[in-house]
Amino acid sequence: MQRFFAFMNRVEEAVLCFMVLQMGLSTFLQVIMRYTFHSAITWLDELVHVEVVLLTFFGAALGIKYGSHICVDVIKTRLQGRWQTAVELFNHLVIAAYVLMVVQYGAGLIQRMTAHPHFTPTLRIPKHYLYALVCVGLGLIFLRCLIKSGQLIAALQRGNVPEGPS
């Protein structure tokens, strides 16, 4: 299982790095095209917009792995030891439940959209494909929350929790 998670981490980080690099190069190319040649590549703007949305969801999943999300932790910092870990566990379980509800609603929306497909203006990509990618990103967030919850449960069972407020 650890090998699968390590592989997942590498793939996720590589895809995000590629997307950020490609977005930067595309934006640079657009600036050059607009201000030097007075002409733009219209589909490139749309591609960058789609990638920003995907980067948001895929990056949020990676943020859960590293614990880098902004959070209000007034209660958590006032608690100690097992209680602090329990609050963090509760937080990840609530996030997982919320994401699961959004994916469920999104799947229904995608199913309805396949009957009457709408396309992006320049790339002509069916929009339900893009919504499906958002659901995949949310699925990654769900998976990361479950992984983090499992780690926190294992820490609680071992008694390997921080002693004082963090």
N, C-alpha and C. Protein backbone atom coordinates (compact mmCIF):
# COMPACT_ATOMS: atom_id res chain seq x y z
N MET A 1 0.83 -1.20 0.00
CA MET A 1 0.00 0.00 0.00
C MET A 1 0.87 1.26 0.00
N GLN A 2 1.99 1.20 0.73
CA GLN A 2 2.89 2.35 0.78
C GLN A 2 3.46 2.66 -0.60
N ARG A 3 3.73 1.62 -1.39
CA ARG A 3 4.26 1.83 -2.74
C ARG A 3 3.24 2.54 -3.61
N PHE A 4 1.96 2.18 -3.45
CA PHE A 4 0.91 2.85 -4.21
C PHE A 4 0.83 4.32 -3.84
N PHE A 5 0.88 4.63 -2.54
CA PHE A 5 0.83 6.03 -2.10
C PHE A 5 2.04 6.82 -2.58
N ALA A 6 3.20 6.19 -2.58
CA ALA A 6 4.40 6.86 -3.07
C ALA A 6 4.27 7.13 -4.57
N PHE A 7 3.75 6.17 -5.31
CA PHE A 7 3.52 6.36 -6.74
C PHE A 7 2.50 7.47 -6.98
N MET A 8 1.41 7.45 -6.21
CA MET A 8 0.39 8.48 -6.33
C MET A 8 0.97 9.87 -6.06
N ASN A 9 1.82 9.98 -5.05
CA ASN A 9 2.46 11.25 -4.74
C ASN A 9 3.31 11.74 -5.90
N ARG A 10 4.11 10.86 -6.47
CA ARG A 10 4.98 11.26 -7.57
C ARG A 10 4.18 11.71 -8.79
N VAL A 11 3.14 10.96 -9.13
CA VAL A 11 2.31 11.30 -10.29
C VAL A 11 1.61 12.63 -10.05
N GLU A 12 1.04 12.79 -8.88
CA GLU A 12 0.31 14.02 -8.55
C GLU A 12 1.23 15.24 -8.62
N GLU A 13 2.40 15.13 -8.02
CA GLU A 13 3.33 16.26 -8.03
C GLU A 13 3.87 16.53 -9.42
N ALA A 14 4.11 15.49 -10.22
CA ALA A 14 4.60 15.68 -11.58
C ALA A 14 3.55 16.37 -12.45
N VAL A 15 2.29 15.94 -12.32
CA VAL A 15 1.22 16.56 -13.10
C VAL A 15 1.06 18.03 -12.72
N LEU A 16 1.09 18.32 -11.42
CA LEU A 16 0.97 19.70 -10.97
C LEU A 16 2.15 20.55 -11.45
N CYS A 17 3.35 20.02 -11.39
CA CYS A 17 4.53 20.76 -11.88
C CYS A 17 4.42 21.03 -13.37
N PHE A 18 4.00 20.01 -14.13
CA PHE A 18 3.83 20.19 -15.56
C PHE A 18 2.78 21.25 -15.86
N MET A 19 1.66 21.22 -15.14
CA MET A 19 0.60 22.19 -15.38
C MET A 19 1.07 23.61 -15.08
N VAL A 20 1.77 23.79 -13.97
CA VAL A 20 2.24 25.13 -13.62
C VAL A 20 3.24 25.62 -14.67
N LEU A 21 4.14 24.75 -15.09
CA LEU A 21 5.13 25.12 -16.11
C LEU A 21 4.44 25.47 -17.42
N GLN A 22 3.51 24.63 -17.84
CA GLN A 22 2.80 24.87 -19.09
C GLN A 22 1.97 26.15 -19.01
N MET A 23 1.34 26.42 -17.87
CA MET A 23 0.55 27.65 -17.72
C MET A 23 1.45 28.88 -17.80
N GLY A 24 2.60 28.81 -17.17
CA GLY A 24 3.52 29.93 -17.22
C GLY A 24 4.01 30.20 -18.63
N LEU A 25 4.39 29.13 -19.34
CA LEU A 25 4.85 29.29 -20.72
C LEU A 25 3.74 29.79 -21.63
N SER A 26 2.53 29.28 -21.45
CA SER A 26 1.39 29.72 -22.27
C SER A 26 1.08 31.19 -22.03
N THR A 27 1.11 31.61 -20.79
CA THR A 27 0.83 33.01 -20.47
C THR A 27 1.92 33.90 -21.04
N PHE A 28 3.18 33.48 -20.93
CA PHE A 28 4.30 34.23 -21.50
C PHE A 28 4.14 34.35 -23.02
N LEU A 29 3.78 33.24 -23.67
CA LEU A 29 3.57 33.25 -25.11
C LEU A 29 2.43 34.19 -25.49
N GLN A 30 1.36 34.20 -24.71
CA GLN A 30 0.24 35.10 -24.99
C GLN A 30 0.67 36.57 -24.90
N VAL A 31 1.46 36.90 -23.89
CA VAL A 31 1.93 38.28 -23.74
C VAL A 31 2.77 38.67 -24.94
N ILE A 32 3.67 37.81 -25.35
CA ILE A 32 4.51 38.08 -26.52
C ILE A 32 3.65 38.25 -27.77
N MET A 33 2.70 37.34 -27.95
CA MET A 33 1.82 37.41 -29.13
C MET A 33 1.00 38.69 -29.15
N ARG A 34 0.46 39.08 -28.01
CA ARG A 34 -0.42 40.27 -27.97
C ARG A 34 0.34 41.57 -28.16
N TYR A 35 1.48 41.69 -27.50
CA TYR A 35 2.17 42.98 -27.51
C TYR A 35 3.23 43.10 -28.60
N THR A 36 3.67 41.99 -29.15
CA THR A 36 4.65 42.06 -30.23
C THR A 36 3.99 41.93 -31.59
N PHE A 37 3.08 40.95 -31.69
CA PHE A 37 2.47 40.67 -32.99
C PHE A 37 1.03 41.19 -33.08
N HIS A 38 0.50 41.76 -32.00
CA HIS A 38 -0.86 42.30 -31.94
C HIS A 38 -1.91 41.27 -32.34
N SER A 39 -1.66 40.03 -31.96
CA SER A 39 -2.57 38.94 -32.24
C SER A 39 -2.43 37.93 -31.11
N ALA A 40 -3.54 37.31 -30.75
CA ALA A 40 -3.50 36.34 -29.65
C ALA A 40 -3.92 34.97 -30.13
N ILE A 41 -3.50 33.98 -29.39
CA ILE A 41 -3.95 32.61 -29.64
C ILE A 41 -5.15 32.39 -28.73
N THR A 42 -6.34 32.45 -29.29
CA THR A 42 -7.56 32.47 -28.47
C THR A 42 -7.74 31.21 -27.64
N TRP A 43 -7.44 30.05 -28.20
CA TRP A 43 -7.66 28.81 -27.46
C TRP A 43 -6.71 28.66 -26.29
N LEU A 44 -5.58 29.37 -26.32
CA LEU A 44 -4.61 29.26 -25.24
C LEU A 44 -5.15 29.88 -23.95
N ASP A 45 -5.89 30.98 -24.07
CA ASP A 45 -6.52 31.58 -22.89
C ASP A 45 -7.49 30.61 -22.23
N GLU A 46 -8.28 29.96 -23.05
CA GLU A 46 -9.26 29.01 -22.51
C GLU A 46 -8.57 27.83 -21.85
N LEU A 47 -7.49 27.36 -22.44
CA LEU A 47 -6.73 26.25 -21.86
C LEU A 47 -6.17 26.63 -20.49
N VAL A 48 -5.65 27.83 -20.38
CA VAL A 48 -5.10 28.28 -19.09
C VAL A 48 -6.21 28.41 -18.05
N HIS A 49 -7.39 28.90 -18.46
CA HIS A 49 -8.51 28.99 -17.52
C HIS A 49 -8.91 27.61 -17.00
N VAL A 50 -8.98 26.64 -17.88
CA VAL A 50 -9.33 25.28 -17.47
C VAL A 50 -8.26 24.74 -16.51
N GLU A 51 -7.00 24.99 -16.84
CA GLU A 51 -5.91 24.49 -16.00
C GLU A 51 -5.90 25.14 -14.62
N VAL A 52 -6.30 26.40 -14.53
CA VAL A 52 -6.36 27.07 -13.22
C VAL A 52 -7.38 26.36 -12.33
N VAL A 53 -8.51 26.00 -12.90
CA VAL A 53 -9.54 25.29 -12.13
C VAL A 53 -9.01 23.92 -11.69
N LEU A 54 -8.40 23.19 -12.62
CA LEU A 54 -7.87 21.88 -12.28
C LEU A 54 -6.75 21.98 -11.25
N LEU A 55 -5.91 22.97 -11.41
CA LEU A 55 -4.80 23.18 -10.48
C LEU A 55 -5.32 23.46 -9.08
N THR A 56 -6.43 24.15 -9.00
CA THR A 56 -7.04 24.44 -7.70
C THR A 56 -7.41 23.17 -6.96
N PHE A 57 -8.11 22.27 -7.64
CA PHE A 57 -8.59 21.06 -6.97
C PHE A 57 -7.47 20.05 -6.74
N PHE A 58 -6.61 19.87 -7.73
CA PHE A 58 -5.51 18.92 -7.56
C PHE A 58 -4.50 19.45 -6.54
N GLY A 59 -4.29 20.76 -6.54
CA GLY A 59 -3.40 21.36 -5.55
C GLY A 59 -3.97 21.30 -4.15
N ALA A 60 -5.29 21.40 -4.03
CA ALA A 60 -5.93 21.30 -2.71
C ALA A 60 -5.71 19.90 -2.12
N ALA A 61 -5.75 18.89 -2.98
CA ALA A 61 -5.49 17.52 -2.49
C ALA A 61 -4.07 17.41 -1.97
N LEU A 62 -3.13 18.00 -2.67
CA LEU A 62 -1.74 17.96 -2.23
C LEU A 62 -1.56 18.79 -0.96
N GLY A 63 -2.33 19.87 -0.83
CA GLY A 63 -2.28 20.69 0.38
C GLY A 63 -2.71 19.92 1.62
N ILE A 64 -3.64 18.99 1.46
CA ILE A 64 -4.06 18.16 2.59
C ILE A 64 -2.92 17.24 3.00
N LYS A 65 -2.21 16.71 2.02
CA LYS A 65 -1.09 15.82 2.33
C LYS A 65 -0.05 16.54 3.18
N TYR A 66 0.29 17.78 2.81
CA TYR A 66 1.32 18.52 3.52
C TYR A 66 0.78 19.33 4.70
N GLY A 67 -0.54 19.36 4.87
CA GLY A 67 -1.14 20.12 5.97
C GLY A 67 -0.93 21.62 5.81
N SER A 68 -0.99 22.09 4.57
CA SER A 68 -0.68 23.49 4.31
C SER A 68 -1.90 24.37 4.07
N HIS A 69 -3.09 23.86 4.34
CA HIS A 69 -4.28 24.68 4.15
C HIS A 69 -4.43 25.67 5.30
N ILE A 70 -4.97 26.80 4.97
CA ILE A 70 -5.28 27.80 5.99
C ILE A 70 -6.47 27.28 6.79
N CYS A 71 -6.39 27.38 8.11
CA CYS A 71 -7.51 26.92 8.92
C CYS A 71 -7.62 27.77 10.18
N VAL A 72 -8.82 27.78 10.70
CA VAL A 72 -9.06 28.44 11.99
C VAL A 72 -8.88 27.34 13.03
N ASP A 73 -7.82 27.46 13.80
CA ASP A 73 -7.51 26.38 14.74
C ASP A 73 -7.52 26.85 16.18
N VAL A 74 -8.46 27.73 16.50
CA VAL A 74 -8.58 28.25 17.86
C VAL A 74 -8.83 27.11 18.85
N ILE A 75 -9.76 26.24 18.50
CA ILE A 75 -10.09 25.13 19.41
C ILE A 75 -8.91 24.17 19.49
N LYS A 76 -8.35 23.83 18.35
CA LYS A 76 -7.26 22.85 18.32
C LYS A 76 -6.04 23.30 19.12
N THR A 77 -5.71 24.58 19.06
CA THR A 77 -4.53 25.06 19.78
C THR A 77 -4.77 25.13 21.28
N ARG A 78 -6.02 25.19 21.70
CA ARG A 78 -6.32 25.24 23.13
C ARG A 78 -6.31 23.84 23.77
N LEU A 79 -6.38 22.84 22.92
CA LEU A 79 -6.41 21.46 23.42
C LEU A 79 -5.00 20.88 23.43
N GLN A 80 -4.88 19.75 24.11
CA GLN A 80 -3.58 19.09 24.19
C GLN A 80 -3.72 17.61 23.86
N GLY A 81 -2.62 17.05 23.40
CA GLY A 81 -2.50 15.61 23.24
C GLY A 81 -3.55 14.98 22.36
N ARG A 82 -4.21 13.96 22.91
CA ARG A 82 -5.18 13.16 22.15
C ARG A 82 -6.36 14.01 21.67
N TRP A 83 -6.76 14.99 22.46
CA TRP A 83 -7.89 15.83 22.06
C TRP A 83 -7.55 16.66 20.83
N GLN A 84 -6.34 17.13 20.76
CA GLN A 84 -5.90 17.90 19.61
C GLN A 84 -5.94 17.04 18.34
N THR A 85 -5.45 15.82 18.46
CA THR A 85 -5.46 14.89 17.33
C THR A 85 -6.89 14.51 16.97
N ALA A 86 -7.75 14.34 17.97
CA ALA A 86 -9.15 13.99 17.72
C ALA A 86 -9.87 15.10 16.95
N VAL A 87 -9.58 16.36 17.28
CA VAL A 87 -10.20 17.49 16.57
C VAL A 87 -9.72 17.51 15.12
N GLU A 88 -8.43 17.25 14.92
CA GLU A 88 -7.89 17.21 13.55
C GLU A 88 -8.52 16.06 12.76
N LEU A 89 -8.71 14.92 13.41
CA LEU A 89 -9.36 13.78 12.77
C LEU A 89 -10.80 14.15 12.38
N PHE A 90 -11.53 14.76 13.30
CA PHE A 90 -12.90 15.19 13.03
C PHE A 90 -12.93 16.14 11.83
N ASN A 91 -11.97 17.07 11.77
CA ASN A 91 -11.88 18.02 10.67
C ASN A 91 -11.74 17.30 9.33
N HIS A 92 -10.85 16.32 9.27
CA HIS A 92 -10.63 15.60 8.01
C HIS A 92 -11.85 14.75 7.63
N LEU A 93 -12.53 14.20 8.61
CA LEU A 93 -13.73 13.42 8.32
C LEU A 93 -14.87 14.30 7.80
N VAL A 94 -14.99 15.50 8.36
CA VAL A 94 -16.02 16.44 7.88
C VAL A 94 -15.71 16.87 6.45
N ILE A 95 -14.44 17.17 6.17
CA ILE A 95 -14.05 17.54 4.81
C ILE A 95 -14.35 16.39 3.85
N ALA A 96 -14.02 15.17 4.23
CA ALA A 96 -14.28 14.00 3.38
C ALA A 96 -15.77 13.84 3.12
N ALA A 97 -16.60 14.02 4.13
CA ALA A 97 -18.05 13.89 3.96
C ALA A 97 -18.58 14.97 3.02
N TYR A 98 -18.10 16.19 3.19
CA TYR A 98 -18.55 17.30 2.33
C TYR A 98 -18.14 17.06 0.88
N VAL A 99 -16.89 16.66 0.68
CA VAL A 99 -16.40 16.42 -0.68
C VAL A 99 -17.18 15.28 -1.33
N LEU A 100 -17.49 14.25 -0.57
CA LEU A 100 -18.27 13.14 -1.10
C LEU A 100 -19.65 13.61 -1.55
N MET A 101 -20.29 14.49 -0.78
CA MET A 101 -21.59 15.03 -1.18
C MET A 101 -21.48 15.85 -2.47
N VAL A 102 -20.43 16.67 -2.58
CA VAL A 102 -20.25 17.48 -3.78
C VAL A 102 -20.00 16.60 -5.00
N VAL A 103 -19.20 15.55 -4.84
CA VAL A 103 -18.94 14.63 -5.95
C VAL A 103 -20.23 13.92 -6.36
N GLN A 104 -21.04 13.55 -5.39
CA GLN A 104 -22.31 12.88 -5.69
C GLN A 104 -23.22 13.82 -6.49
N TYR A 105 -23.32 15.06 -6.07
CA TYR A 105 -24.13 16.04 -6.80
C TYR A 105 -23.52 16.28 -8.18
N GLY A 106 -22.21 16.39 -8.25
CA GLY A 106 -21.53 16.62 -9.52
C GLY A 106 -21.75 15.47 -10.50
N ALA A 107 -21.74 14.25 -9.99
CA ALA A 107 -21.98 13.09 -10.86
C ALA A 107 -23.38 13.14 -11.46
N GLY A 108 -24.35 13.56 -10.67
CA GLY A 108 -25.71 13.71 -11.20
C GLY A 108 -25.78 14.81 -12.25
N LEU A 109 -25.08 15.90 -12.01
CA LEU A 109 -25.04 17.01 -12.97
C LEU A 109 -24.38 16.56 -14.27
N ILE A 110 -23.29 15.85 -14.15
CA ILE A 110 -22.58 15.36 -15.35
C ILE A 110 -23.47 14.41 -16.14
N GLN A 111 -24.19 13.55 -15.43
CA GLN A 111 -25.08 12.62 -16.10
C GLN A 111 -26.17 13.35 -16.87
N ARG A 112 -26.73 14.41 -16.30
CA ARG A 112 -27.75 15.20 -17.00
C ARG A 112 -27.15 15.96 -18.18
N MET A 113 -25.91 16.42 -18.03
CA MET A 113 -25.28 17.20 -19.09
C MET A 113 -24.90 16.35 -20.30
N THR A 114 -24.68 15.06 -20.10
CA THR A 114 -24.33 14.22 -21.25
C THR A 114 -25.48 14.11 -22.25
N ALA A 115 -26.70 14.27 -21.78
CA ALA A 115 -27.86 14.21 -22.67
C ALA A 115 -27.92 15.43 -23.59
N HIS A 116 -27.50 16.58 -23.09
CA HIS A 116 -27.49 17.83 -23.86
C HIS A 116 -26.13 18.50 -23.70
N PRO A 117 -25.13 18.03 -24.41
CA PRO A 117 -23.77 18.53 -24.18
C PRO A 117 -23.59 20.00 -24.58
N HIS A 118 -22.83 20.71 -23.75
CA HIS A 118 -22.40 22.07 -24.04
C HIS A 118 -20.89 22.01 -24.24
N PHE A 119 -20.38 22.88 -25.09
CA PHE A 119 -18.96 22.85 -25.42
C PHE A 119 -18.29 24.16 -25.03
N THR A 120 -17.00 24.08 -24.73
CA THR A 120 -16.25 25.31 -24.47
C THR A 120 -16.15 26.08 -25.79
N PRO A 121 -16.07 27.41 -25.72
CA PRO A 121 -16.15 28.23 -26.94
C PRO A 121 -15.07 27.95 -27.99
N THR A 122 -13.81 27.87 -27.61
CA THR A 122 -12.76 27.74 -28.62
C THR A 122 -12.18 26.35 -28.72
N LEU A 123 -12.01 25.66 -27.62
CA LEU A 123 -11.44 24.31 -27.67
C LEU A 123 -12.47 23.25 -28.05
N ARG A 124 -13.74 23.58 -27.90
CA ARG A 124 -14.84 22.68 -28.23
C ARG A 124 -14.78 21.38 -27.43
N ILE A 125 -14.36 21.51 -26.17
CA ILE A 125 -14.36 20.36 -25.26
C ILE A 125 -15.73 20.29 -24.60
N PRO A 126 -16.36 19.12 -24.56
CA PRO A 126 -17.63 19.01 -23.84
C PRO A 126 -17.43 19.39 -22.37
N LYS A 127 -18.29 20.29 -21.89
CA LYS A 127 -18.11 20.79 -20.53
C LYS A 127 -18.27 19.71 -19.47
N HIS A 128 -19.04 18.68 -19.77
CA HIS A 128 -19.18 17.62 -18.75
C HIS A 128 -17.87 16.88 -18.55
N TYR A 129 -16.97 16.89 -19.52
CA TYR A 129 -15.63 16.31 -19.30
C TYR A 129 -14.86 17.13 -18.28
N LEU A 130 -14.98 18.44 -18.39
CA LEU A 130 -14.29 19.32 -17.44
C LEU A 130 -14.86 19.16 -16.04
N TYR A 131 -16.18 19.04 -15.94
CA TYR A 131 -16.79 18.82 -14.64
C TYR A 131 -16.37 17.47 -14.06
N ALA A 132 -16.20 16.48 -14.94
CA ALA A 132 -15.73 15.17 -14.48
C ALA A 132 -14.32 15.29 -13.91
N LEU A 133 -13.47 16.12 -14.53
CA LEU A 133 -12.13 16.32 -14.01
C LEU A 133 -12.15 17.00 -12.64
N VAL A 134 -13.10 17.91 -12.45
CA VAL A 134 -13.26 18.53 -11.13
C VAL A 134 -13.66 17.47 -10.11
N CYS A 135 -14.54 16.57 -10.50
CA CYS A 135 -14.93 15.48 -9.59
C CYS A 135 -13.74 14.57 -9.28
N VAL A 136 -12.86 14.36 -10.25
CA VAL A 136 -11.65 13.58 -10.00
C VAL A 136 -10.77 14.30 -8.99
N GLY A 137 -10.61 15.61 -9.15
CA GLY A 137 -9.84 16.40 -8.18
C GLY A 137 -10.45 16.33 -6.79
N LEU A 138 -11.77 16.40 -6.72
CA LEU A 138 -12.45 16.28 -5.43
C LEU A 138 -12.29 14.86 -4.88
N GLY A 139 -12.27 13.87 -5.77
CA GLY A 139 -12.02 12.50 -5.33
C GLY A 139 -10.63 12.36 -4.72
N LEU A 140 -9.66 13.06 -5.29
CA LEU A 140 -8.31 13.06 -4.70
C LEU A 140 -8.31 13.70 -3.31
N ILE A 141 -9.08 14.78 -3.16
CA ILE A 141 -9.19 15.41 -1.85
C ILE A 141 -9.80 14.42 -0.86
N PHE A 142 -10.84 13.71 -1.29
CA PHE A 142 -11.48 12.71 -0.45
C PHE A 142 -10.48 11.63 -0.04
N LEU A 143 -9.72 11.14 -1.02
CA LEU A 143 -8.73 10.10 -0.74
C LEU A 143 -7.66 10.60 0.22
N ARG A 144 -7.20 11.83 0.03
CA ARG A 144 -6.19 12.39 0.94
C ARG A 144 -6.74 12.54 2.36
N CYS A 145 -8.01 12.93 2.46
CA CYS A 145 -8.62 13.04 3.79
C CYS A 145 -8.71 11.68 4.47
N LEU A 146 -9.05 10.65 3.70
CA LEU A 146 -9.12 9.31 4.27
C LEU A 146 -7.74 8.82 4.71
N ILE A 147 -6.72 9.09 3.89
CA ILE A 147 -5.36 8.70 4.24
C ILE A 147 -4.93 9.41 5.52
N LYS A 148 -5.17 10.72 5.57
CA LYS A 148 -4.79 11.50 6.75
C LYS A 148 -5.57 11.03 7.98
N SER A 149 -6.85 10.71 7.79
CA SER A 149 -7.66 10.20 8.91
C SER A 149 -7.11 8.88 9.42
N GLY A 150 -6.72 8.00 8.51
CA GLY A 150 -6.12 6.73 8.91
C GLY A 150 -4.84 6.93 9.70
N GLN A 151 -4.02 7.89 9.26
CA GLN A 151 -2.78 8.18 9.98
C GLN A 151 -3.08 8.72 11.38
N LEU A 152 -4.09 9.58 11.48
CA LEU A 152 -4.45 10.14 12.79
C LEU A 152 -5.03 9.08 13.72
N ILE A 153 -5.84 8.18 13.17
CA ILE A 153 -6.40 7.09 13.98
C ILE A 153 -5.26 6.19 14.48
N ALA A 154 -4.31 5.89 13.60
CA ALA A 154 -3.16 5.06 14.01
C ALA A 154 -2.36 5.78 15.09
N ALA A 155 -2.19 7.10 14.97
CA ALA A 155 -1.45 7.85 15.98
C ALA A 155 -2.20 7.83 17.32
N LEU A 156 -3.51 7.94 17.27
CA LEU A 156 -4.30 7.87 18.51
C LEU A 156 -4.19 6.49 19.16
N GLN A 157 -4.21 5.44 18.36
CA GLN A 157 -4.11 4.09 18.90
C GLN A 157 -2.74 3.81 19.49
N ARG A 158 -1.70 4.34 18.88
CA ARG A 158 -0.34 4.14 19.40
C ARG A 158 -0.03 5.07 20.56
N GLY A 159 -0.85 6.10 20.72
CA GLY A 159 -0.56 7.10 21.75
C GLY A 159 0.55 8.05 21.31
N ASN A 160 0.81 8.10 20.01
CA ASN A 160 1.86 8.94 19.44
C ASN A 160 1.25 10.28 19.03
N VAL A 161 0.89 11.08 20.03
CA VAL A 161 0.26 12.38 19.77
C VAL A 161 1.06 13.48 20.46
N PRO A 162 0.97 14.70 19.97
CA PRO A 162 1.72 15.79 20.61
C PRO A 162 1.23 16.04 22.03
N GLU A 163 2.14 16.38 22.91
CA GLU A 163 1.81 16.59 24.33
C GLU A 163 1.21 17.95 24.61
N GLY A 164 1.79 18.97 24.05
CA GLY A 164 1.31 20.33 24.34
C GLY A 164 0.66 20.94 23.14
N PRO A 165 0.16 22.19 23.30
CA PRO A 165 -0.44 22.87 22.15
C PRO A 165 0.62 23.11 21.08
N SER A 166 0.19 22.99 19.82
CA SER A 166 1.14 23.22 18.72
C SER A 166 1.15 24.66 18.29
